[in-house]
Amino acid sequence: MTWDPLRRKEVADTPEERVRQWFIGVLEQAGVPAGLMGSEVALDNAAKAYRADIVVYDRSGQPLAIVECKRPGVSITKSVAEQALRYYGVLGARYIMLTNGKNTYIYRKEGDAFVSCDALPSYEMMSCQP
């Protein structure tokens, strides 16, 4: 078992959970307040119930970033991106982040498209960009 500070409980210590907990730490280092993150966030879609691995919220409580975590042996493929885009369809967010703990991809919404970011922006930069 491992402690999830966002859910405030012990959870199964799986490879994907270790990636999720590692990325929560990465987000905290980028200045994201723990109180503005959710882990295993339930999303209600008319067709199917989803759970986003991590959701980062802005200071008004609106979704700012969606993070999809995979265990280290899982490649970040088009289907992983499509999974995150389904969550985006429910939540809307300025950023989508995909990680398996070895490779991390960060995309920012610009107009009708998502563009790749070179690095994880700070929380303040994520919050300030239109």
Protein backbone atom coordinates (compact mmCIF):
# COMPACT_ATOMS: atom_id res chain seq x y z
CA MET A 1 0.00 0.00 0.00
CA THR A 2 1.06 3.57 -0.62
CA TRP A 3 -0.30 6.85 0.69
CA ASP A 4 -2.10 9.08 -1.81
CA PRO A 5 -2.02 12.60 -0.36
CA LEU A 6 -4.72 13.81 -2.75
CA ARG A 7 -7.22 11.07 -1.89
CA ARG A 8 -5.96 11.08 1.71
CA LYS A 9 -5.90 7.31 1.96
CA GLU A 10 -3.79 4.22 1.40
CA VAL A 11 -4.11 2.81 -2.11
CA ALA A 12 -2.73 -0.29 -3.83
CA ASP A 13 0.95 0.08 -4.68
CA THR A 14 0.80 -0.70 -8.41
CA PRO A 15 3.29 0.40 -11.09
CA GLU A 16 0.73 2.92 -12.44
CA GLU A 17 0.11 4.25 -8.93
CA ARG A 18 3.84 4.81 -8.44
CA VAL A 19 3.89 6.84 -11.67
CA ARG A 20 0.83 8.81 -10.49
CA GLN A 21 2.44 9.59 -7.12
CA TRP A 22 5.73 10.54 -8.81
CA PHE A 23 3.92 12.95 -11.16
CA ILE A 24 1.99 14.50 -8.27
CA GLY A 25 5.43 15.33 -6.85
CA VAL A 26 6.53 16.77 -10.21
CA LEU A 27 3.43 18.97 -10.27
CA GLU A 28 4.08 20.13 -6.69
CA GLN A 29 7.65 21.07 -7.70
CA ALA A 30 6.10 23.14 -10.50
CA GLY A 31 4.16 25.04 -7.85
CA VAL A 32 0.80 23.28 -8.11
CA PRO A 33 -0.84 23.43 -4.67
CA ALA A 34 -1.88 19.97 -3.46
CA GLY A 35 -5.32 21.41 -2.67
CA LEU A 36 -5.81 22.22 -6.35
CA MET A 37 -5.17 18.68 -7.58
CA GLY A 38 -7.43 15.64 -7.64
CA SER A 39 -6.41 12.00 -8.06
CA GLU A 40 -8.62 9.36 -9.72
CA VAL A 41 -11.23 12.03 -10.45
CA ALA A 42 -14.60 10.57 -11.48
CA LEU A 43 -15.95 12.03 -14.71
CA ASP A 44 -19.53 11.59 -15.75
CA ASN A 45 -20.17 11.20 -19.43
CA ALA A 46 -23.57 10.15 -20.72
CA ALA A 47 -21.99 7.17 -22.50
CA LYS A 48 -19.53 5.95 -19.86
CA ALA A 49 -18.04 6.77 -16.46
CA TYR A 50 -14.35 7.69 -16.56
CA ARG A 51 -11.63 8.35 -13.98
CA ALA A 52 -8.90 10.84 -14.77
CA ASP A 53 -5.60 9.98 -13.09
CA ILE A 54 -4.86 13.56 -12.05
CA VAL A 55 -6.75 16.80 -12.61
CA VAL A 56 -5.17 20.17 -11.83
CA TYR A 57 -7.58 23.02 -11.10
CA ASP A 58 -7.14 26.76 -11.38
CA ARG A 59 -7.82 28.96 -8.37
CA SER A 60 -11.50 29.29 -9.32
CA GLY A 61 -11.93 25.50 -9.34
CA GLN A 62 -12.01 25.04 -13.12
CA PRO A 63 -10.00 22.19 -14.68
CA LEU A 64 -6.63 23.45 -15.86
CA ALA A 65 -4.79 20.20 -16.73
CA ILE A 66 -5.64 16.55 -17.22
CA VAL A 67 -2.89 14.00 -16.59
CA GLU A 68 -3.05 10.43 -17.89
CA CYS A 69 -0.58 8.08 -16.20
CA LYS A 70 0.49 4.67 -17.43
CA ARG A 71 2.81 2.13 -15.85
CA PRO A 72 6.43 2.36 -17.04
CA GLY A 73 6.18 -0.52 -19.53
CA VAL A 74 3.24 1.03 -21.42
CA SER A 75 4.15 3.18 -24.41
CA ILE A 76 2.53 6.58 -24.77
CA THR A 77 0.62 5.93 -27.98
CA LYS A 78 -2.18 7.53 -29.94
CA SER A 79 -4.72 5.50 -27.92
CA VAL A 80 -3.35 6.98 -24.67
CA ALA A 81 -3.73 10.47 -26.15
CA GLU A 82 -7.26 9.61 -27.29
CA GLN A 83 -8.10 8.49 -23.74
CA ALA A 84 -6.95 11.86 -22.38
CA LEU A 85 -8.92 13.64 -25.10
CA ARG A 86 -12.09 11.81 -23.98
CA TYR A 87 -11.50 13.25 -20.51
CA TYR A 88 -10.91 16.65 -22.10
CA GLY A 89 -14.29 16.29 -23.81
CA VAL A 90 -15.93 16.00 -20.39
CA LEU A 91 -13.82 18.51 -18.43
CA GLY A 92 -12.22 20.86 -20.88
CA ALA A 93 -8.76 21.99 -19.75
CA ARG A 94 -5.91 24.08 -21.02
CA TYR A 95 -3.34 21.26 -20.75
CA ILE A 96 -3.17 17.53 -21.36
CA MET A 97 -0.22 15.62 -19.93
CA LEU A 98 0.67 12.01 -20.70
CA THR A 99 3.31 10.08 -18.75
CA ASN A 100 4.58 6.60 -18.04
CA GLY A 101 7.27 7.81 -15.66
CA LYS A 102 9.94 7.49 -18.35
CA ASN A 103 8.40 9.63 -21.09
CA THR A 104 6.21 12.65 -20.45
CA TYR A 105 4.37 14.66 -23.08
CA ILE A 106 2.72 17.99 -22.33
CA TYR A 107 0.26 19.70 -24.65
CA ARG A 108 -1.35 23.15 -24.38
CA LYS A 109 -4.65 24.05 -26.02
CA GLU A 110 -4.20 26.81 -28.58
CA GLY A 111 -7.29 27.66 -30.59
CA ASP A 112 -8.70 24.40 -31.96
CA ALA A 113 -5.52 22.36 -31.49
CA PHE A 114 -3.16 21.10 -28.83
CA VAL A 115 0.50 22.05 -29.29
CA SER A 116 3.46 20.32 -27.69
CA CYS A 117 5.25 22.07 -24.83
CA ASP A 118 9.02 21.72 -24.39
CA ALA A 119 8.74 21.54 -20.60
CA LEU A 120 6.25 21.56 -17.77
CA PRO A 121 5.32 25.20 -17.12
CA SER A 122 5.00 26.46 -13.58
CA TYR A 123 1.54 26.53 -12.06
CA GLU A 124 1.53 30.32 -12.29
CA MET A 125 2.37 30.19 -16.00
CA MET A 126 -0.32 27.55 -16.60
CA SER A 127 -2.86 29.67 -14.73
CA CYS A 128 -1.99 32.94 -16.46
CA GLN A 129 -2.01 31.84 -20.09
CA PRO A 130 -5.24 32.53 -21.96
